[in-house]
Amino acid sequence: MAADSATLVARFYDEAWNQADETVAREILAEDFSFRGSLGPERRG
């Protein structure tokens, strides 16, 4: 069963971001995910 968007966002910030759990990030983010923080280059993958 797929998690809803709010659950995924909460999990990303709690587990992947705050706890720096790379395993969770790899589990919930697409391989071609792109991210650009407020200060820095765009990151992909």
C-alpha atoms as a PDB file:
ATOM      1  CA  MET A   1       0.000   0.000   0.000  1.00  0.00           C
ATOM      2  CA  ALA A   2       1.408   3.375  -1.001  1.00  0.00           C
ATOM      3  CA  ALA A   3       1.788   6.004   1.676  1.00  0.00           C
ATOM      4  CA  ASP A   4      -0.037   9.284   1.228  1.00  0.00           C
ATOM      5  CA  SER A   5       1.901  12.465   0.416  1.00  0.00           C
ATOM      6  CA  ALA A   6       1.704  13.963   3.918  1.00  0.00           C
ATOM      7  CA  THR A   7       3.110  10.769   5.434  1.00  0.00           C
ATOM      8  CA  LEU A   8       5.985  10.697   2.942  1.00  0.00           C
ATOM      9  CA  VAL A   9       6.867  14.344   3.568  1.00  0.00           C
ATOM     10  CA  ALA A  10       6.763  13.854   7.337  1.00  0.00           C
ATOM     11  CA  ARG A  11       8.887  10.730   7.068  1.00  0.00           C
ATOM     12  CA  PHE A  12      11.398  12.482   4.804  1.00  0.00           C
ATOM     13  CA  TYR A  13      11.937  15.345   7.248  1.00  0.00           C
ATOM     14  CA  ASP A  14      11.879  13.204  10.393  1.00  0.00           C
ATOM     15  CA  GLU A  15      13.901  10.202   9.310  1.00  0.00           C
ATOM     16  CA  ALA A  16      15.882  11.123   6.204  1.00  0.00           C
ATOM     17  CA  TRP A  17      16.608  14.796   6.953  1.00  0.00           C
ATOM     18  CA  ASN A  18      16.677  15.159  10.764  1.00  0.00           C
ATOM     19  CA  GLN A  19      18.171  11.748  11.497  1.00  0.00           C
ATOM     20  CA  ALA A  20      20.325  11.693   8.327  1.00  0.00           C
ATOM     21  CA  ASP A  21      19.062   8.210   7.450  1.00  0.00           C
ATOM     22  CA  GLU A  22      20.261   7.648   3.896  1.00  0.00           C
ATOM     23  CA  THR A  23      18.504   4.280   3.717  1.00  0.00           C
ATOM     24  CA  VAL A  24      15.129   5.965   4.205  1.00  0.00           C
ATOM     25  CA  ALA A  25      15.993   8.647   1.642  1.00  0.00           C
ATOM     26  CA  ARG A  26      16.845   5.969  -0.924  1.00  0.00           C
ATOM     27  CA  GLU A  27      13.625   4.124  -0.112  1.00  0.00           C
ATOM     28  CA  ILE A  28      11.207   7.035  -0.524  1.00  0.00           C
ATOM     29  CA  LEU A  29      12.880   9.262  -3.158  1.00  0.00           C
ATOM     30  CA  ALA A  30      12.971   8.533  -6.884  1.00  0.00           C
ATOM     31  CA  GLU A  31      16.358   7.754  -8.441  1.00  0.00           C
ATOM     32  CA  ASP A  32      16.161  10.911 -10.571  1.00  0.00           C
ATOM     33  CA  PHE A  33      15.139  13.123  -7.632  1.00  0.00           C
ATOM     34  CA  SER A  34      16.556  16.643  -7.871  1.00  0.00           C
ATOM     35  CA  PHE A  35      17.049  19.024  -4.970  1.00  0.00           C
ATOM     36  CA  ARG A  36      18.221  22.584  -4.754  1.00  0.00           C
ATOM     37  CA  GLY A  37      18.678  24.087  -1.330  1.00  0.00           C
ATOM     38  CA  SER A  38      18.557  27.815  -0.800  1.00  0.00           C
ATOM     39  CA  LEU A  39      22.358  28.052  -0.984  1.00  0.00           C
ATOM     40  CA  GLY A  40      23.903  25.685  -3.416  1.00  0.00           C
ATOM     41  CA  PRO A  41      23.849  23.834  -6.689  1.00  0.00           C
ATOM     42  CA  GLU A  42      21.127  21.458  -7.748  1.00  0.00           C
ATOM     43  CA  ARG A  43      21.802  17.850  -6.751  1.00  0.00           C
ATOM     44  CA  ARG A  44      20.452  14.849  -8.633  1.00  0.00           C
ATOM     45  CA  GLY A  45      20.181  11.200  -7.762  1.00  0.00           C
END
